[in-house]
Amino acid sequence: MTQPLLTLAGVHTHIGAYHILHGVDLVVPRGQVTLLLGRNGAGKTTTLRTIMGLWRASQGTLTFAGQDITALSTPEIAERNIAYVPENMGIFSDLTVRENMLLAARNAATEKQMDAKRLEWIFGLFPAVRKFWNHPAGKLSGGQKQMLAVARSIVEPRELLIVDEPSKGLAPSIVNNMIAAFAELKATGVTILLVEQNFNFAQKLGDTVAVMDNGAVVHAGSMQALSADAELQKDLLGLSL
């Protein structure tokens, strides 16, 4: 049994007067791709933002690499080699692709100080990043912006990569590129947690899966088992594949 890298136990989150998460239990095994699925409004994005400390858990415990991170600030969480790509990608549109990448490289003040070998590896994953290196990020297509957002998140080595809906609005060819990139990241030992609405994308990548509904995890198990059970898919996700 793979040891968990990240565990949420009985996590509740309130946003103002609204009680969004109702006792989330989630296990993210080390070295695997975990998919967080569920209908719109189920609490998936709130779960990711709570993990990152952007919203504070009002109850429960978050544990990363054996240490309690529940009360840590977002910068303290990020310093543990956790990267987060939000649904809106969070790139700086007025800056070039190069400047976006340089901002994320905390140990580099100039392009020459960036890890050249790692950059070449990233260019192999996302050729558009090299192609548009000196272009304003705001001029990129939606798919190219998503590639930049993920590339920026891994410009330094990460232990955990968290991405919210990486395939949303992307053309099939770019979706396939994204699948290949995440598979290669996993092969290097990176643990990945993805929120996804595209079940075909999810089942090609996922090792484990958790399905949310009404602010709680209602199913957890292997992606292989869920992919093989059409009735379970329909019950949990309203799908008929």
C-alpha atoms as a PDB file:
ATOM      1  CA  MET A   1       0.000   0.000   0.000  1.00  0.00           C
ATOM      2  CA  THR A   2       1.459   3.339  -1.083  1.00  0.00           C
ATOM      3  CA  GLN A   3       1.941   5.717   1.818  1.00  0.00           C
ATOM      4  CA  PRO A   4      -0.109   8.920   1.617  1.00  0.00           C
ATOM      5  CA  LEU A   5       1.711  12.166   0.950  1.00  0.00           C
ATOM      6  CA  LEU A   6      -1.347  14.283   1.766  1.00  0.00           C
ATOM      7  CA  THR A   7      -4.278  13.454   4.046  1.00  0.00           C
ATOM      8  CA  LEU A   8      -7.399  15.423   4.883  1.00  0.00           C
ATOM      9  CA  ALA A   9      -9.322  14.159   7.913  1.00  0.00           C
ATOM     10  CA  GLY A  10     -12.762  15.537   8.770  1.00  0.00           C
ATOM     11  CA  VAL A  11     -12.080  18.887   7.101  1.00  0.00           C
ATOM     12  CA  HIS A  12     -14.788  21.542   7.286  1.00  0.00           C
ATOM     13  CA  THR A  13     -14.523  24.918   5.570  1.00  0.00           C
ATOM     14  CA  HIS A  14     -16.742  27.945   6.052  1.00  0.00           C
ATOM     15  CA  ILE A  15     -16.675  30.908   3.669  1.00  0.00           C
ATOM     16  CA  GLY A  16     -18.432  33.735   5.451  1.00  0.00           C
ATOM     17  CA  ALA A  17     -21.821  32.421   6.501  1.00  0.00           C
ATOM     18  CA  TYR A  18     -21.618  29.476   4.099  1.00  0.00           C
ATOM     19  CA  HIS A  19     -20.586  25.981   5.229  1.00  0.00           C
ATOM     20  CA  ILE A  20     -18.951  24.558   2.080  1.00  0.00           C
ATOM     21  CA  LEU A  21     -16.967  21.486   3.151  1.00  0.00           C
ATOM     22  CA  HIS A  22     -18.671  19.034   5.487  1.00  0.00           C
ATOM     23  CA  GLY A  23     -16.013  16.709   6.874  1.00  0.00           C
ATOM     24  CA  VAL A  24     -13.842  15.927   3.839  1.00  0.00           C
ATOM     25  CA  ASP A  25     -11.720  12.785   4.145  1.00  0.00           C
ATOM     26  CA  LEU A  26      -9.162  12.519   1.348  1.00  0.00           C
ATOM     27  CA  VAL A  27      -5.989  10.479   0.891  1.00  0.00           C
ATOM     28  CA  VAL A  28      -3.455  11.356  -1.816  1.00  0.00           C
ATOM     29  CA  PRO A  29      -0.936   8.495  -2.160  1.00  0.00           C
ATOM     30  CA  ARG A  30       2.697   9.404  -2.745  1.00  0.00           C
ATOM     31  CA  GLY A  31       3.874   9.102  -6.357  1.00  0.00           C
ATOM     32  CA  GLN A  32       0.407   8.659  -7.830  1.00  0.00           C
ATOM     33  CA  VAL A  33      -2.143  10.733  -9.755  1.00  0.00           C
ATOM     34  CA  THR A  34      -5.275  11.292  -7.682  1.00  0.00           C
ATOM     35  CA  LEU A  35      -8.400  12.629  -9.383  1.00  0.00           C
ATOM     36  CA  LEU A  36     -11.006  14.631  -7.493  1.00  0.00           C
ATOM     37  CA  LEU A  37     -14.285  14.348  -9.376  1.00  0.00           C
ATOM     38  CA  GLY A  38     -17.830  15.547  -8.825  1.00  0.00           C
ATOM     39  CA  ARG A  39     -20.583  17.719 -10.142  1.00  0.00           C
ATOM     40  CA  ASN A  40     -20.317  21.505 -10.231  1.00  0.00           C
ATOM     41  CA  GLY A  41     -20.644  22.947  -6.740  1.00  0.00           C
ATOM     42  CA  ALA A  42     -19.620  19.720  -5.012  1.00  0.00           C
ATOM     43  CA  GLY A  43     -16.732  21.421  -3.176  1.00  0.00           C
ATOM     44  CA  LYS A  44     -13.749  20.360  -5.287  1.00  0.00           C
ATOM     45  CA  THR A  45     -12.177  23.790  -5.768  1.00  0.00           C
ATOM     46  CA  THR A  46     -12.851  24.695  -2.136  1.00  0.00           C
ATOM     47  CA  THR A  47     -10.960  21.547  -1.145  1.00  0.00           C
ATOM     48  CA  LEU A  48      -7.930  22.591  -3.193  1.00  0.00           C
ATOM     49  CA  ARG A  49      -8.005  26.134  -1.837  1.00  0.00           C
ATOM     50  CA  THR A  50      -8.271  24.776   1.709  1.00  0.00           C
ATOM     51  CA  ILE A  51      -5.241  22.537   1.126  1.00  0.00           C
ATOM     52  CA  MET A  52      -3.289  25.610   0.020  1.00  0.00           C
ATOM     53  CA  GLY A  53      -4.421  27.678   3.007  1.00  0.00           C
ATOM     54  CA  LEU A  54      -6.219  30.193   0.787  1.00  0.00           C
ATOM     55  CA  TRP A  55      -9.319  29.347   2.785  1.00  0.00           C
ATOM     56  CA  ARG A  56      -8.856  28.184   6.345  1.00  0.00           C
ATOM     57  CA  ALA A  57     -10.239  24.859   7.564  1.00  0.00           C
ATOM     58  CA  SER A  58     -12.676  25.541  10.410  1.00  0.00           C
ATOM     59  CA  GLN A  59     -12.417  21.957  11.636  1.00  0.00           C
ATOM     60  CA  GLY A  60     -10.356  18.865  10.857  1.00  0.00           C
ATOM     61  CA  THR A  61      -6.701  18.194  10.043  1.00  0.00           C
ATOM     62  CA  LEU A  62      -4.542  18.452   6.934  1.00  0.00           C
ATOM     63  CA  THR A  63      -1.321  16.430   6.991  1.00  0.00           C
ATOM     64  CA  PHE A  64       1.470  16.669   4.401  1.00  0.00           C
ATOM     65  CA  ALA A  65       4.501  14.366   4.483  1.00  0.00           C
ATOM     66  CA  GLY A  66       3.628  13.407   8.038  1.00  0.00           C
ATOM     67  CA  GLN A  67       3.383  16.986   9.335  1.00  0.00           C
ATOM     68  CA  ASP A  68       0.293  18.972  10.292  1.00  0.00           C
ATOM     69  CA  ILE A  69      -0.149  21.902   7.869  1.00  0.00           C
ATOM     70  CA  THR A  70      -3.668  22.893   8.963  1.00  0.00           C
ATOM     71  CA  ALA A  71      -2.652  26.206  10.524  1.00  0.00           C
ATOM     72  CA  LEU A  72       0.107  27.150   8.059  1.00  0.00           C
ATOM     73  CA  SER A  73      -0.123  30.178   5.783  1.00  0.00           C
ATOM     74  CA  THR A  74      -0.207  29.822   1.999  1.00  0.00           C
ATOM     75  CA  PRO A  75       3.481  30.849   1.578  1.00  0.00           C
ATOM     76  CA  GLU A  76       4.518  28.330   4.243  1.00  0.00           C
ATOM     77  CA  ILE A  77       2.579  25.591   2.448  1.00  0.00           C
ATOM     78  CA  ALA A  78       4.092  26.518  -0.925  1.00  0.00           C
ATOM     79  CA  GLU A  79       7.585  26.403   0.598  1.00  0.00           C
ATOM     80  CA  ARG A  80       7.070  22.686   1.212  1.00  0.00           C
ATOM     81  CA  ASN A  81       7.409  22.172  -2.554  1.00  0.00           C
ATOM     82  CA  ILE A  82       3.678  22.217  -3.207  1.00  0.00           C
ATOM     83  CA  ALA A  83       2.542  23.977  -6.383  1.00  0.00           C
ATOM     84  CA  TYR A  84      -1.031  25.009  -7.176  1.00  0.00           C
ATOM     85  CA  VAL A  85      -2.486  25.885 -10.583  1.00  0.00           C
ATOM     86  CA  PRO A  86      -5.924  27.455 -10.086  1.00  0.00           C
ATOM     87  CA  GLU A  87      -8.776  27.145 -12.571  1.00  0.00           C
ATOM     88  CA  ASN A  88      -8.143  30.685 -13.837  1.00  0.00           C
ATOM     89  CA  MET A  89      -4.455  29.750 -14.329  1.00  0.00           C
ATOM     90  CA  GLY A  90      -3.229  32.913 -12.583  1.00  0.00           C
ATOM     91  CA  ILE A  91      -0.707  33.951 -15.228  1.00  0.00           C
ATOM     92  CA  PHE A  92       0.417  37.571 -15.594  1.00  0.00           C
ATOM     93  CA  SER A  93      -1.008  38.636 -18.965  1.00  0.00           C
ATOM     94  CA  ASP A  94       1.100  41.777 -19.337  1.00  0.00           C
ATOM     95  CA  LEU A  95       4.354  39.898 -18.784  1.00  0.00           C
ATOM     96  CA  THR A  96       6.092  37.708 -21.336  1.00  0.00           C
ATOM     97  CA  VAL A  97       6.198  33.939 -21.041  1.00  0.00           C
ATOM     98  CA  ARG A  98       9.852  34.274 -19.973  1.00  0.00           C
ATOM     99  CA  GLU A  99       8.983  36.790 -17.261  1.00  0.00           C
ATOM    100  CA  ASN A 100       6.177  34.561 -15.960  1.00  0.00           C
ATOM    101  CA  MET A 101       8.588  31.646 -15.717  1.00  0.00           C
ATOM    102  CA  LEU A 102      11.294  33.755 -14.083  1.00  0.00           C
ATOM    103  CA  LEU A 103       8.887  34.998 -11.410  1.00  0.00           C
ATOM    104  CA  ALA A 104       8.171  31.392 -10.446  1.00  0.00           C
ATOM    105  CA  ALA A 105      11.866  30.500 -10.256  1.00  0.00           C
ATOM    106  CA  ARG A 106      12.469  31.630  -6.704  1.00  0.00           C
ATOM    107  CA  ASN A 107      16.191  30.885  -6.806  1.00  0.00           C
ATOM    108  CA  ALA A 108      16.844  32.889  -9.979  1.00  0.00           C
ATOM    109  CA  ALA A 109      16.984  36.654 -10.399  1.00  0.00           C
ATOM    110  CA  THR A 110      17.765  36.498 -14.132  1.00  0.00           C
ATOM    111  CA  GLU A 111      17.087  34.089 -16.978  1.00  0.00           C
ATOM    112  CA  LYS A 112      20.742  32.991 -16.965  1.00  0.00           C
ATOM    113  CA  GLN A 113      20.360  31.864 -13.340  1.00  0.00           C
ATOM    114  CA  MET A 114      17.453  29.545 -14.178  1.00  0.00           C
ATOM    115  CA  ASP A 115      18.162  25.814 -14.296  1.00  0.00           C
ATOM    116  CA  ALA A 116      18.926  25.354 -18.016  1.00  0.00           C
ATOM    117  CA  LYS A 117      18.601  21.569 -17.911  1.00  0.00           C
ATOM    118  CA  ARG A 118      15.206  21.774 -16.212  1.00  0.00           C
ATOM    119  CA  LEU A 119      14.051  24.420 -18.689  1.00  0.00           C
ATOM    120  CA  GLU A 120      14.954  22.144 -21.597  1.00  0.00           C
ATOM    121  CA  TRP A 121      12.940  19.370 -19.967  1.00  0.00           C
ATOM    122  CA  ILE A 122       9.954  21.710 -19.574  1.00  0.00           C
ATOM    123  CA  PHE A 123      10.277  22.809 -23.206  1.00  0.00           C
ATOM    124  CA  GLY A 124      10.079  19.136 -24.154  1.00  0.00           C
ATOM    125  CA  LEU A 125       6.832  18.792 -22.205  1.00  0.00           C
ATOM    126  CA  PHE A 126       5.359  22.062 -23.483  1.00  0.00           C
ATOM    127  CA  PRO A 127       6.945  23.174 -26.795  1.00  0.00           C
ATOM    128  CA  ALA A 128       4.676  26.257 -26.890  1.00  0.00           C
ATOM    129  CA  VAL A 129       6.525  27.675 -23.880  1.00  0.00           C
ATOM    130  CA  ARG A 130       9.765  27.766 -25.893  1.00  0.00           C
ATOM    131  CA  LYS A 131       8.018  28.976 -29.075  1.00  0.00           C
ATOM    132  CA  PHE A 132       6.373  31.949 -27.350  1.00  0.00           C
ATOM    133  CA  TRP A 133       9.174  32.626 -24.855  1.00  0.00           C
ATOM    134  CA  ASN A 134       9.309  36.371 -25.560  1.00  0.00           C
ATOM    135  CA  HIS A 135       5.611  36.881 -26.321  1.00  0.00           C
ATOM    136  CA  PRO A 136       3.143  38.522 -23.894  1.00  0.00           C
ATOM    137  CA  ALA A 137       1.358  35.760 -21.996  1.00  0.00           C
ATOM    138  CA  GLY A 138      -1.973  37.498 -22.548  1.00  0.00           C
ATOM    139  CA  LYS A 139      -1.662  36.924 -26.313  1.00  0.00           C
ATOM    140  CA  LEU A 140      -1.511  33.129 -25.962  1.00  0.00           C
ATOM    141  CA  SER A 141      -4.433  30.845 -26.743  1.00  0.00           C
ATOM    142  CA  GLY A 142      -6.320  29.203 -23.886  1.00  0.00           C
ATOM    143  CA  GLY A 143      -4.418  25.964 -24.325  1.00  0.00           C
ATOM    144  CA  GLN A 144      -1.074  27.718 -24.464  1.00  0.00           C
ATOM    145  CA  LYS A 145      -1.911  29.638 -21.295  1.00  0.00           C
ATOM    146  CA  GLN A 146      -2.725  26.367 -19.547  1.00  0.00           C
ATOM    147  CA  MET A 147       0.602  24.916 -20.668  1.00  0.00           C
ATOM    148  CA  LEU A 148       2.379  28.012 -19.343  1.00  0.00           C
ATOM    149  CA  ALA A 149       0.532  27.789 -16.034  1.00  0.00           C
ATOM    150  CA  VAL A 150       1.617  24.182 -15.509  1.00  0.00           C
ATOM    151  CA  ALA A 151       5.140  24.848 -16.802  1.00  0.00           C
ATOM    152  CA  ARG A 152       5.502  27.758 -14.397  1.00  0.00           C
ATOM    153  CA  SER A 153       4.370  25.595 -11.479  1.00  0.00           C
ATOM    154  CA  ILE A 154       7.144  23.063 -12.133  1.00  0.00           C
ATOM    155  CA  VAL A 155       9.978  25.466 -13.006  1.00  0.00           C
ATOM    156  CA  GLU A 156      11.400  24.300  -9.676  1.00  0.00           C
ATOM    157  CA  PRO A 157      11.146  20.688  -8.451  1.00  0.00           C
ATOM    158  CA  ARG A 158       7.854  19.960  -6.696  1.00  0.00           C
ATOM    159  CA  GLU A 159       6.788  17.157  -4.426  1.00  0.00           C
ATOM    160  CA  LEU A 160       3.070  17.782  -4.926  1.00  0.00           C
ATOM    161  CA  LEU A 161       1.377  19.413  -7.908  1.00  0.00           C
ATOM    162  CA  ILE A 162      -2.266  20.481  -7.519  1.00  0.00           C
ATOM    163  CA  VAL A 163      -4.171  21.527 -10.652  1.00  0.00           C
ATOM    164  CA  ASP A 164      -7.792  22.667 -10.955  1.00  0.00           C
ATOM    165  CA  GLU A 165      -9.468  21.517 -14.192  1.00  0.00           C
ATOM    166  CA  PRO A 166      -6.420  21.339 -16.491  1.00  0.00           C
ATOM    167  CA  SER A 167      -8.421  20.191 -19.552  1.00  0.00           C
ATOM    168  CA  LYS A 168     -11.210  22.781 -19.332  1.00  0.00           C
ATOM    169  CA  GLY A 169     -11.901  24.325 -22.737  1.00  0.00           C
ATOM    170  CA  LEU A 170      -8.882  22.732 -24.409  1.00  0.00           C
ATOM    171  CA  ALA A 171      -8.754  21.257 -27.898  1.00  0.00           C
ATOM    172  CA  PRO A 172      -8.332  17.446 -28.033  1.00  0.00           C
ATOM    173  CA  SER A 173      -4.734  17.683 -29.298  1.00  0.00           C
ATOM    174  CA  ILE A 174      -3.761  19.924 -26.378  1.00  0.00           C
ATOM    175  CA  VAL A 175      -5.605  17.647 -23.939  1.00  0.00           C
ATOM    176  CA  ASN A 176      -3.477  14.746 -25.211  1.00  0.00           C
ATOM    177  CA  ASN A 177      -0.344  16.848 -24.748  1.00  0.00           C
ATOM    178  CA  MET A 178      -1.416  17.638 -21.191  1.00  0.00           C
ATOM    179  CA  ILE A 179      -2.049  13.942 -20.440  1.00  0.00           C
ATOM    180  CA  ALA A 180       1.436  13.050 -21.715  1.00  0.00           C
ATOM    181  CA  ALA A 181       3.016  15.835 -19.656  1.00  0.00           C
ATOM    182  CA  PHE A 182       1.315  14.758 -16.421  1.00  0.00           C
ATOM    183  CA  ALA A 183       2.283  11.137 -17.086  1.00  0.00           C
ATOM    184  CA  GLU A 184       5.931  12.175 -17.480  1.00  0.00           C
ATOM    185  CA  LEU A 185       5.770  14.283 -14.329  1.00  0.00           C
ATOM    186  CA  LYS A 186       4.416  11.289 -12.425  1.00  0.00           C
ATOM    187  CA  ALA A 187       7.271   9.152 -13.812  1.00  0.00           C
ATOM    188  CA  THR A 188       9.750  11.569 -12.207  1.00  0.00           C
ATOM    189  CA  GLY A 189       8.153  10.947  -8.795  1.00  0.00           C
ATOM    190  CA  VAL A 190       5.863  13.972  -8.568  1.00  0.00           C
ATOM    191  CA  THR A 191       2.588  13.349  -6.739  1.00  0.00           C
ATOM    192  CA  ILE A 192      -0.349  14.940  -8.578  1.00  0.00           C
ATOM    193  CA  LEU A 193      -3.822  15.936  -7.406  1.00  0.00           C
ATOM    194  CA  LEU A 194      -6.201  17.009 -10.169  1.00  0.00           C
ATOM    195  CA  VAL A 195      -9.745  18.333 -10.142  1.00  0.00           C
ATOM    196  CA  GLU A 196     -11.355  17.346 -13.424  1.00  0.00           C
ATOM    197  CA  GLN A 197     -14.753  17.361 -15.130  1.00  0.00           C
ATOM    198  CA  ASN A 198     -13.611  15.413 -18.203  1.00  0.00           C
ATOM    199  CA  PHE A 199     -13.991  11.765 -17.231  1.00  0.00           C
ATOM    200  CA  ASN A 200     -12.117  10.505 -20.296  1.00  0.00           C
ATOM    201  CA  PHE A 201      -9.158  12.689 -19.302  1.00  0.00           C
ATOM    202  CA  ALA A 202      -9.434  11.486 -15.718  1.00  0.00           C
ATOM    203  CA  GLN A 203      -9.495   7.780 -16.467  1.00  0.00           C
ATOM    204  CA  LYS A 204      -6.447   7.996 -18.739  1.00  0.00           C
ATOM    205  CA  LEU A 205      -4.349   9.532 -15.966  1.00  0.00           C
ATOM    206  CA  GLY A 206      -5.757   8.568 -12.608  1.00  0.00           C
ATOM    207  CA  ASP A 207      -4.432   5.932 -10.246  1.00  0.00           C
ATOM    208  CA  THR A 208      -6.847   6.762  -7.451  1.00  0.00           C
ATOM    209  CA  VAL A 209     -10.075   8.730  -7.444  1.00  0.00           C
ATOM    210  CA  ALA A 210     -12.261  10.514  -4.924  1.00  0.00           C
ATOM    211  CA  VAL A 211     -15.763  11.671  -5.838  1.00  0.00           C
ATOM    212  CA  MET A 212     -17.304  14.620  -4.001  1.00  0.00           C
ATOM    213  CA  ASP A 213     -20.914  15.594  -3.499  1.00  0.00           C
ATOM    214  CA  ASN A 214     -22.401  18.238  -1.210  1.00  0.00           C
ATOM    215  CA  GLY A 215     -19.057  19.128   0.330  1.00  0.00           C
ATOM    216  CA  ALA A 216     -17.925  15.614   1.244  1.00  0.00           C
ATOM    217  CA  VAL A 217     -16.146  12.656  -0.356  1.00  0.00           C
ATOM    218  CA  VAL A 218     -18.806  10.062  -1.149  1.00  0.00           C
ATOM    219  CA  HIS A 219     -16.588   7.530  -2.935  1.00  0.00           C
ATOM    220  CA  ALA A 220     -12.871   6.741  -2.916  1.00  0.00           C
ATOM    221  CA  GLY A 221     -11.005   3.953  -4.652  1.00  0.00           C
ATOM    222  CA  SER A 222      -9.007   3.035  -7.732  1.00  0.00           C
ATOM    223  CA  MET A 223      -9.659   4.748 -11.050  1.00  0.00           C
ATOM    224  CA  GLN A 224      -9.475   1.354 -12.734  1.00  0.00           C
ATOM    225  CA  ALA A 225     -12.429   0.072 -10.695  1.00  0.00           C
ATOM    226  CA  LEU A 226     -14.521   3.178 -11.360  1.00  0.00           C
ATOM    227  CA  SER A 227     -13.713   3.088 -15.086  1.00  0.00           C
ATOM    228  CA  ALA A 228     -14.908  -0.514 -15.274  1.00  0.00           C
ATOM    229  CA  ASP A 229     -18.227   0.126 -13.485  1.00  0.00           C
ATOM    230  CA  ALA A 230     -20.654   2.093 -15.675  1.00  0.00           C
ATOM    231  CA  GLU A 231     -23.448   1.903 -13.091  1.00  0.00           C
ATOM    232  CA  LEU A 232     -21.203   3.356 -10.386  1.00  0.00           C
ATOM    233  CA  GLN A 233     -20.181   6.158 -12.739  1.00  0.00           C
ATOM    234  CA  LYS A 234     -23.824   6.939 -13.402  1.00  0.00           C
ATOM    235  CA  ASP A 235     -24.708   6.883  -9.711  1.00  0.00           C
ATOM    236  CA  LEU A 236     -21.805   9.095  -8.680  1.00  0.00           C
ATOM    237  CA  LEU A 237     -21.396  11.425 -11.626  1.00  0.00           C
ATOM    238  CA  GLY A 238     -24.592  11.168 -13.662  1.00  0.00           C
ATOM    239  CA  LEU A 239     -22.621   9.706 -16.569  1.00  0.00           C
ATOM    240  CA  SER A 240     -23.589   7.145 -19.142  1.00  0.00           C
ATOM    241  CA  LEU A 241     -20.421   6.151 -20.973  1.00  0.00           C
END
